[in-house]
Amino acid sequence: MVNVTVEGSSKSDIIYSNRQLDLKQENVIHQYMTMLYDEHGFSVKQPTKEQDISGIDVILNRYNKEYLVDEKAAIKYLTRDLNTFSFELYKAGYRNSVGWFVDKNKLTTYYNIIYPKSFTNDIYNLDSIEAFLLNSKELQEAVFPEIQKHKIHFDNVEEFMLNQSSYKGRRYFVINQYMKLVYSECIRPEKLINIVINKQYLRDIACDIFYKDFRKE
C-alpha cells in the first residue's frame, strides 16, 4: 500500500487490487454457499469454462427453474456490519471498460450478494454468512431509471463524477435514499465507479435469503 496526496485530502491510501487473492477467497465463499444452496433445496452445477467467462459462477436449479448465478461477496470487510453493497458500473482505469453490472455480454440471470462475517478476519473461520439472491434484470430495471433521472449515462458517468467533491480518494453522488454513486479513484488500477445500494433495499427485493450462524453449530 502506498500513501499519496490527492485532491480533497492531505493523504489517502491507494489500494492496489490483488485478483489472484480475490479468486482464492471467492472460492472459499463458494464452498460455504454450496452448503446453503443445498439447505434451501437447490441443486448445484458448476459452469463450463465459457459460462464462467460470461459471468456465471454457479448454476442452480429448484422446482425446474434454472438460475445462472454470479456470486458477489464482500470479502474485504469480514469484520464489519455492512449496510450497503457495491455494483460495478465502470472501470475508469481501463479505457471504455464497462463494469459487470452493465455488461451486456454477461449471461448472468441472478446475483447472489454475500455478506460473510468473521470477528477474527479469517475467511476460513466465518462466524456467519448472509446472502440475497437477486434477479439481475429486475434489479437493473429498478436502478438504471433512478440514475438516468440525473442525466447520468455510461458515456458521461466519469466526467459527471469528476465534477463531484473528492474526499480521501473517493467522490460521491447521492441518487436517492437507497442508492449513491461512488468513484473510487484510490482503487488501482481499476478506479471503479460503483452504484452503492442499501442492504435493506436489496433484502426487500430478494427472491431468496440465505443465513447461517456457524457459532451455533
C-alpha atoms as a PDB file:
ATOM      1  CA  MET A   1       0.000   0.000   0.000  1.00  0.00           C
ATOM      2  CA  VAL A   2       1.354   3.411  -0.967  1.00  0.00           C
ATOM      3  CA  ASN A   3       0.461   6.788   0.555  1.00  0.00           C
ATOM      4  CA  VAL A   4      -0.087   9.590  -1.958  1.00  0.00           C
ATOM      5  CA  THR A   5      -1.521  13.093  -1.882  1.00  0.00           C
ATOM      6  CA  VAL A   6      -4.891  13.504  -3.596  1.00  0.00           C
ATOM      7  CA  GLU A   7      -7.357  16.318  -4.054  1.00  0.00           C
ATOM      8  CA  GLY A   8      -9.623  16.886  -1.052  1.00  0.00           C
ATOM      9  CA  SER A   9      -7.326  15.235   1.485  1.00  0.00           C
ATOM     10  CA  SER A  10      -3.790  15.667   2.752  1.00  0.00           C
ATOM     11  CA  LYS A  11      -3.088  11.953   2.333  1.00  0.00           C
ATOM     12  CA  SER A  12      -5.013   8.887   1.265  1.00  0.00           C
ATOM     13  CA  ASP A  13      -4.205   5.211   0.877  1.00  0.00           C
ATOM     14  CA  ILE A  14      -4.076   3.963  -2.679  1.00  0.00           C
ATOM     15  CA  ILE A  15      -5.404   0.399  -2.678  1.00  0.00           C
ATOM     16  CA  TYR A  16      -3.945  -1.949  -5.262  1.00  0.00           C
ATOM     17  CA  SER A  17      -6.232  -4.866  -6.106  1.00  0.00           C
ATOM     18  CA  ASN A  18      -4.970  -8.459  -5.993  1.00  0.00           C
ATOM     19  CA  ARG A  19      -7.113 -10.509  -8.368  1.00  0.00           C
ATOM     20  CA  GLN A  20      -5.438 -13.842  -7.608  1.00  0.00           C
ATOM     21  CA  LEU A  21      -6.076 -13.452  -3.885  1.00  0.00           C
ATOM     22  CA  ASP A  22      -9.659 -12.381  -4.576  1.00  0.00           C
ATOM     23  CA  LEU A  23     -10.284 -15.506  -6.676  1.00  0.00           C
ATOM     24  CA  LYS A  24      -8.914 -17.758  -3.933  1.00  0.00           C
ATOM     25  CA  GLN A  25     -11.137 -16.132  -1.304  1.00  0.00           C
ATOM     26  CA  GLU A  26     -14.175 -16.209  -3.599  1.00  0.00           C
ATOM     27  CA  ASN A  27     -13.699 -19.957  -3.988  1.00  0.00           C
ATOM     28  CA  VAL A  28     -13.766 -20.347  -0.205  1.00  0.00           C
ATOM     29  CA  ILE A  29     -17.033 -18.388  -0.019  1.00  0.00           C
ATOM     30  CA  HIS A  30     -18.467 -20.564  -2.786  1.00  0.00           C
ATOM     31  CA  GLN A  31     -17.843 -23.644  -0.637  1.00  0.00           C
ATOM     32  CA  TYR A  32     -19.822 -22.081   2.203  1.00  0.00           C
ATOM     33  CA  MET A  33     -22.632 -21.118  -0.151  1.00  0.00           C
ATOM     34  CA  THR A  34     -22.827 -24.600  -1.685  1.00  0.00           C
ATOM     35  CA  MET A  35     -23.873 -25.883   1.728  1.00  0.00           C
ATOM     36  CA  LEU A  36     -26.579 -23.221   1.996  1.00  0.00           C
ATOM     37  CA  TYR A  37     -27.845 -23.859  -1.521  1.00  0.00           C
ATOM     38  CA  ASP A  38     -28.400 -27.487  -0.563  1.00  0.00           C
ATOM     39  CA  GLU A  39     -30.249 -26.494   2.613  1.00  0.00           C
ATOM     40  CA  HIS A  40     -32.594 -24.313   0.531  1.00  0.00           C
ATOM     41  CA  GLY A  41     -33.397 -27.122  -1.890  1.00  0.00           C
ATOM     42  CA  PHE A  42     -31.235 -26.042  -4.830  1.00  0.00           C
ATOM     43  CA  SER A  43     -29.292 -28.495  -6.946  1.00  0.00           C
ATOM     44  CA  VAL A  44     -25.828 -27.173  -7.817  1.00  0.00           C
ATOM     45  CA  LYS A  45     -23.925 -27.496 -11.085  1.00  0.00           C
ATOM     46  CA  GLN A  46     -20.598 -25.949 -11.992  1.00  0.00           C
ATOM     47  CA  PRO A  47     -20.490 -23.810 -15.159  1.00  0.00           C
ATOM     48  CA  THR A  48     -18.488 -24.587 -18.269  1.00  0.00           C
ATOM     49  CA  LYS A  49     -15.375 -22.518 -18.954  1.00  0.00           C
ATOM     50  CA  GLU A  50     -17.326 -20.440 -21.489  1.00  0.00           C
ATOM     51  CA  GLN A  51     -20.119 -19.810 -18.989  1.00  0.00           C
ATOM     52  CA  ASP A  52     -17.602 -18.854 -16.311  1.00  0.00           C
ATOM     53  CA  ILE A  53     -16.045 -16.275 -18.628  1.00  0.00           C
ATOM     54  CA  SER A  54     -19.571 -14.933 -19.243  1.00  0.00           C
ATOM     55  CA  GLY A  55     -20.095 -14.184 -15.548  1.00  0.00           C
ATOM     56  CA  ILE A  56     -21.653 -17.404 -14.270  1.00  0.00           C
ATOM     57  CA  ASP A  57     -20.111 -18.790 -11.068  1.00  0.00           C
ATOM     58  CA  VAL A  58     -22.699 -21.473 -10.351  1.00  0.00           C
ATOM     59  CA  ILE A  59     -25.855 -22.893 -11.949  1.00  0.00           C
ATOM     60  CA  LEU A  60     -28.704 -23.552  -9.535  1.00  0.00           C
ATOM     61  CA  ASN A  61     -31.940 -25.399 -10.159  1.00  0.00           C
ATOM     62  CA  ARG A  62     -35.049 -25.633  -7.994  1.00  0.00           C
ATOM     63  CA  TYR A  63     -38.608 -26.605  -8.946  1.00  0.00           C
ATOM     64  CA  ASN A  64     -37.454 -26.970 -12.578  1.00  0.00           C
ATOM     65  CA  LYS A  65     -36.249 -23.362 -12.688  1.00  0.00           C
ATOM     66  CA  GLU A  66     -32.654 -22.587 -13.639  1.00  0.00           C
ATOM     67  CA  TYR A  67     -30.626 -19.776 -12.063  1.00  0.00           C
ATOM     68  CA  LEU A  68     -27.416 -18.605 -13.763  1.00  0.00           C
ATOM     69  CA  VAL A  69     -25.727 -17.040 -10.760  1.00  0.00           C
ATOM     70  CA  ASP A  70     -22.884 -14.576 -10.371  1.00  0.00           C
ATOM     71  CA  GLU A  71     -21.707 -14.761  -6.752  1.00  0.00           C
ATOM     72  CA  LYS A  72     -20.543 -11.426  -5.340  1.00  0.00           C
ATOM     73  CA  ALA A  73     -19.088 -11.403  -1.834  1.00  0.00           C
ATOM     74  CA  ALA A  74     -17.911  -8.557   0.409  1.00  0.00           C
ATOM     75  CA  ILE A  75     -14.668 -10.404   1.157  1.00  0.00           C
ATOM     76  CA  LYS A  76     -12.679  -7.300   2.089  1.00  0.00           C
ATOM     77  CA  TYR A  77     -14.913  -6.360   5.023  1.00  0.00           C
ATOM     78  CA  LEU A  78     -15.220  -9.528   7.091  1.00  0.00           C
ATOM     79  CA  THR A  79     -15.216  -7.732  10.445  1.00  0.00           C
ATOM     80  CA  ARG A  80     -17.733  -5.025   9.543  1.00  0.00           C
ATOM     81  CA  ASP A  81     -21.513  -4.836   9.710  1.00  0.00           C
ATOM     82  CA  LEU A  82     -22.095  -3.563   6.182  1.00  0.00           C
ATOM     83  CA  ASN A  83     -25.371  -1.824   5.320  1.00  0.00           C
ATOM     84  CA  THR A  84     -24.731  -1.461   1.573  1.00  0.00           C
ATOM     85  CA  PHE A  85     -23.389  -3.404  -1.418  1.00  0.00           C
ATOM     86  CA  SER A  86     -21.491  -2.091  -4.443  1.00  0.00           C
ATOM     87  CA  PHE A  87     -22.415  -2.879  -8.049  1.00  0.00           C
ATOM     88  CA  GLU A  88     -19.751  -2.139 -10.639  1.00  0.00           C
ATOM     89  CA  LEU A  89     -20.716   0.310 -13.391  1.00  0.00           C
ATOM     90  CA  TYR A  90     -17.443   1.442 -14.895  1.00  0.00           C
ATOM     91  CA  LYS A  91     -13.686   0.911 -14.654  1.00  0.00           C
ATOM     92  CA  ALA A  92     -12.221   4.325 -15.294  1.00  0.00           C
ATOM     93  CA  GLY A  93      -8.702   2.902 -15.076  1.00  0.00           C
ATOM     94  CA  TYR A  94      -9.333   0.895 -18.235  1.00  0.00           C
ATOM     95  CA  ARG A  95     -10.378   2.676 -21.426  1.00  0.00           C
ATOM     96  CA  ASN A  96     -14.105   2.281 -22.147  1.00  0.00           C
ATOM     97  CA  SER A  97     -14.427  -0.628 -19.738  1.00  0.00           C
ATOM     98  CA  VAL A  98     -17.943  -1.472 -18.586  1.00  0.00           C
ATOM     99  CA  GLY A  99     -18.487  -2.903 -15.121  1.00  0.00           C
ATOM    100  CA  TRP A 100     -20.099  -6.285 -14.585  1.00  0.00           C
ATOM    101  CA  PHE A 101     -23.436  -4.733 -13.579  1.00  0.00           C
ATOM    102  CA  VAL A 102     -23.941  -3.199 -17.026  1.00  0.00           C
ATOM    103  CA  ASP A 103     -22.003  -5.642 -19.206  1.00  0.00           C
ATOM    104  CA  LYS A 104     -24.424  -6.949 -21.850  1.00  0.00           C
ATOM    105  CA  ASN A 105     -22.056  -9.820 -22.657  1.00  0.00           C
ATOM    106  CA  LYS A 106     -22.694 -11.382 -19.258  1.00  0.00           C
ATOM    107  CA  LEU A 107     -25.129 -14.309 -19.252  1.00  0.00           C
ATOM    108  CA  THR A 108     -25.960 -13.863 -15.581  1.00  0.00           C
ATOM    109  CA  THR A 109     -29.655 -14.051 -14.680  1.00  0.00           C
ATOM    110  CA  TYR A 110     -29.187 -13.755 -10.893  1.00  0.00           C
ATOM    111  CA  TYR A 111     -26.726 -12.191  -8.486  1.00  0.00           C
ATOM    112  CA  ASN A 112     -26.045 -13.758  -5.124  1.00  0.00           C
ATOM    113  CA  ILE A 113     -24.961 -10.880  -2.908  1.00  0.00           C
ATOM    114  CA  ILE A 114     -22.985 -12.319   0.004  1.00  0.00           C
ATOM    115  CA  TYR A 115     -22.067 -10.793   3.364  1.00  0.00           C
ATOM    116  CA  PRO A 116     -19.547 -13.068   5.127  1.00  0.00           C
ATOM    117  CA  LYS A 117     -18.669 -12.190   8.743  1.00  0.00           C
ATOM    118  CA  SER A 118     -15.603 -13.155  10.765  1.00  0.00           C
ATOM    119  CA  PHE A 119     -14.690 -11.388  14.002  1.00  0.00           C
ATOM    120  CA  THR A 120     -11.130 -12.716  13.614  1.00  0.00           C
ATOM    121  CA  ASN A 121     -10.941 -11.550   9.969  1.00  0.00           C
ATOM    122  CA  ASP A 122     -10.386 -15.151   8.853  1.00  0.00           C
ATOM    123  CA  ILE A 123     -12.246 -16.229   5.735  1.00  0.00           C
ATOM    124  CA  TYR A 124     -11.629 -19.877   6.655  1.00  0.00           C
ATOM    125  CA  ASN A 125     -13.345 -19.363  10.011  1.00  0.00           C
ATOM    126  CA  LEU A 126     -16.575 -17.463   9.426  1.00  0.00           C
ATOM    127  CA  ASP A 127     -18.915 -16.636  12.273  1.00  0.00           C
ATOM    128  CA  SER A 128     -21.900 -16.126   9.978  1.00  0.00           C
ATOM    129  CA  ILE A 129     -22.894 -15.624   6.371  1.00  0.00           C
ATOM    130  CA  GLU A 130     -25.881 -13.806   4.898  1.00  0.00           C
ATOM    131  CA  ALA A 131     -26.788 -13.666   1.211  1.00  0.00           C
ATOM    132  CA  PHE A 132     -29.544 -12.357  -1.066  1.00  0.00           C
ATOM    133  CA  LEU A 133     -30.445 -13.978  -4.389  1.00  0.00           C
ATOM    134  CA  LEU A 134     -31.466 -11.171  -6.755  1.00  0.00           C
ATOM    135  CA  ASN A 135     -32.958 -11.262 -10.242  1.00  0.00           C
ATOM    136  CA  SER A 136     -30.377  -9.323 -12.271  1.00  0.00           C
ATOM    137  CA  LYS A 137     -32.821  -7.905 -14.827  1.00  0.00           C
ATOM    138  CA  GLU A 138     -35.290  -6.751 -12.190  1.00  0.00           C
ATOM    139  CA  LEU A 139     -32.521  -5.061 -10.211  1.00  0.00           C
ATOM    140  CA  GLN A 140     -31.165  -3.298 -13.286  1.00  0.00           C
ATOM    141  CA  GLU A 141     -34.654  -2.129 -14.250  1.00  0.00           C
ATOM    142  CA  ALA A 142     -35.043  -0.654 -10.763  1.00  0.00           C
ATOM    143  CA  VAL A 143     -31.634   1.037 -10.674  1.00  0.00           C
ATOM    144  CA  PHE A 144     -30.992   2.407 -14.170  1.00  0.00           C
ATOM    145  CA  PRO A 145     -34.023   4.745 -14.349  1.00  0.00           C
ATOM    146  CA  GLU A 146     -33.010   6.253 -10.992  1.00  0.00           C
ATOM    147  CA  ILE A 147     -29.536   7.036 -12.344  1.00  0.00           C
ATOM    148  CA  GLN A 148     -30.924   8.407 -15.603  1.00  0.00           C
ATOM    149  CA  LYS A 149     -33.170  10.847 -13.726  1.00  0.00           C
ATOM    150  CA  HIS A 150     -29.952  12.796 -13.104  1.00  0.00           C
ATOM    151  CA  LYS A 151     -28.978  12.626 -16.805  1.00  0.00           C
ATOM    152  CA  ILE A 152     -26.176  10.206 -15.980  1.00  0.00           C
ATOM    153  CA  HIS A 153     -25.298   7.626 -18.629  1.00  0.00           C
ATOM    154  CA  PHE A 154     -22.381   5.315 -19.321  1.00  0.00           C
ATOM    155  CA  ASP A 155     -20.809   7.791 -21.741  1.00  0.00           C
ATOM    156  CA  ASN A 156     -20.703  10.635 -19.220  1.00  0.00           C
ATOM    157  CA  VAL A 157     -20.531   8.966 -15.809  1.00  0.00           C
ATOM    158  CA  GLU A 158     -16.780   9.506 -15.322  1.00  0.00           C
ATOM    159  CA  GLU A 159     -16.985  13.173 -16.325  1.00  0.00           C
ATOM    160  CA  PHE A 160     -20.006  13.612 -14.072  1.00  0.00           C
ATOM    161  CA  MET A 161     -18.240  12.067 -11.079  1.00  0.00           C
ATOM    162  CA  LEU A 162     -15.087  14.122 -11.635  1.00  0.00           C
ATOM    163  CA  ASN A 163     -17.244  17.202 -11.004  1.00  0.00           C
ATOM    164  CA  GLN A 164     -18.100  15.921  -7.514  1.00  0.00           C
ATOM    165  CA  SER A 165     -16.010  16.764  -4.466  1.00  0.00           C
ATOM    166  CA  SER A 166     -13.216  14.354  -3.568  1.00  0.00           C
ATOM    167  CA  TYR A 167     -12.681  13.010  -0.050  1.00  0.00           C
ATOM    168  CA  LYS A 168      -9.873  10.569   0.733  1.00  0.00           C
ATOM    169  CA  GLY A 169      -9.635   9.344  -2.830  1.00  0.00           C
ATOM    170  CA  ARG A 170     -13.377   8.929  -3.413  1.00  0.00           C
ATOM    171  CA  ARG A 171     -16.146  11.033  -4.968  1.00  0.00           C
ATOM    172  CA  TYR A 172     -19.823  10.621  -4.064  1.00  0.00           C
ATOM    173  CA  PHE A 173     -23.190  11.483  -5.554  1.00  0.00           C
ATOM    174  CA  VAL A 174     -26.477  10.596  -3.857  1.00  0.00           C
ATOM    175  CA  ILE A 175     -29.082   9.188  -6.270  1.00  0.00           C
ATOM    176  CA  ASN A 176     -31.882   8.680  -3.744  1.00  0.00           C
ATOM    177  CA  GLN A 177     -32.346   7.435  -0.183  1.00  0.00           C
ATOM    178  CA  TYR A 178     -31.312   3.900  -1.214  1.00  0.00           C
ATOM    179  CA  MET A 179     -28.572   4.479  -3.791  1.00  0.00           C
ATOM    180  CA  LYS A 180     -25.448   6.544  -4.370  1.00  0.00           C
ATOM    181  CA  LEU A 181     -22.642   6.657  -6.921  1.00  0.00           C
ATOM    182  CA  VAL A 182     -19.085   6.244  -5.650  1.00  0.00           C
ATOM    183  CA  TYR A 183     -15.990   6.899  -7.756  1.00  0.00           C
ATOM    184  CA  SER A 184     -13.038   5.182  -6.034  1.00  0.00           C
ATOM    185  CA  GLU A 185     -10.017   6.833  -7.605  1.00  0.00           C
ATOM    186  CA  CYS A 186      -7.986   5.248  -4.801  1.00  0.00           C
ATOM    187  CA  ILE A 187      -8.527   1.686  -6.078  1.00  0.00           C
ATOM    188  CA  ARG A 188      -5.889   0.879  -8.662  1.00  0.00           C
ATOM    189  CA  PRO A 189      -5.670   0.013 -11.433  1.00  0.00           C
ATOM    190  CA  GLU A 190      -9.467  -0.213 -11.870  1.00  0.00           C
ATOM    191  CA  LYS A 191     -10.556   3.210 -10.467  1.00  0.00           C
ATOM    192  CA  LEU A 192     -14.080   1.860 -10.054  1.00  0.00           C
ATOM    193  CA  ILE A 193     -17.341   3.743 -10.380  1.00  0.00           C
ATOM    194  CA  ASN A 194     -19.998   1.815  -8.474  1.00  0.00           C
ATOM    195  CA  ILE A 195     -23.661   2.181  -7.673  1.00  0.00           C
ATOM    196  CA  VAL A 196     -23.856   1.510  -3.935  1.00  0.00           C
ATOM    197  CA  ILE A 197     -27.238   0.200  -2.781  1.00  0.00           C
ATOM    198  CA  ASN A 198     -28.783  -0.019   0.677  1.00  0.00           C
ATOM    199  CA  LYS A 199     -28.718  -3.533   2.153  1.00  0.00           C
ATOM    200  CA  GLN A 200     -32.313  -3.443   3.384  1.00  0.00           C
ATOM    201  CA  TYR A 201     -33.478  -2.399  -0.096  1.00  0.00           C
ATOM    202  CA  LEU A 202     -31.703  -5.429  -1.558  1.00  0.00           C
ATOM    203  CA  ARG A 203     -33.126  -7.702   1.109  1.00  0.00           C
ATOM    204  CA  ASP A 204     -36.657  -6.495   0.384  1.00  0.00           C
ATOM    205  CA  ILE A 205     -36.431  -7.383  -3.325  1.00  0.00           C
ATOM    206  CA  ALA A 206     -34.541 -10.680  -2.929  1.00  0.00           C
ATOM    207  CA  CYS A 207     -36.193 -13.838  -4.258  1.00  0.00           C
ATOM    208  CA  ASP A 208     -34.378 -15.928  -1.653  1.00  0.00           C
ATOM    209  CA  ILE A 209     -32.445 -15.099   1.526  1.00  0.00           C
ATOM    210  CA  PHE A 210     -29.694 -17.289   2.950  1.00  0.00           C
ATOM    211  CA  TYR A 211     -28.396 -17.065   6.510  1.00  0.00           C
ATOM    212  CA  LYS A 212     -26.170 -19.280   8.617  1.00  0.00           C
ATOM    213  CA  ASP A 213     -24.728 -18.656  12.101  1.00  0.00           C
ATOM    214  CA  PHE A 214     -21.784 -21.036  12.442  1.00  0.00           C
ATOM    215  CA  ARG A 215     -21.304 -20.193  16.120  1.00  0.00           C
ATOM    216  CA  LYS A 216     -24.435 -22.183  16.963  1.00  0.00           C
ATOM    217  CA  GLU A 217     -23.102 -25.407  15.458  1.00  0.00           C
END
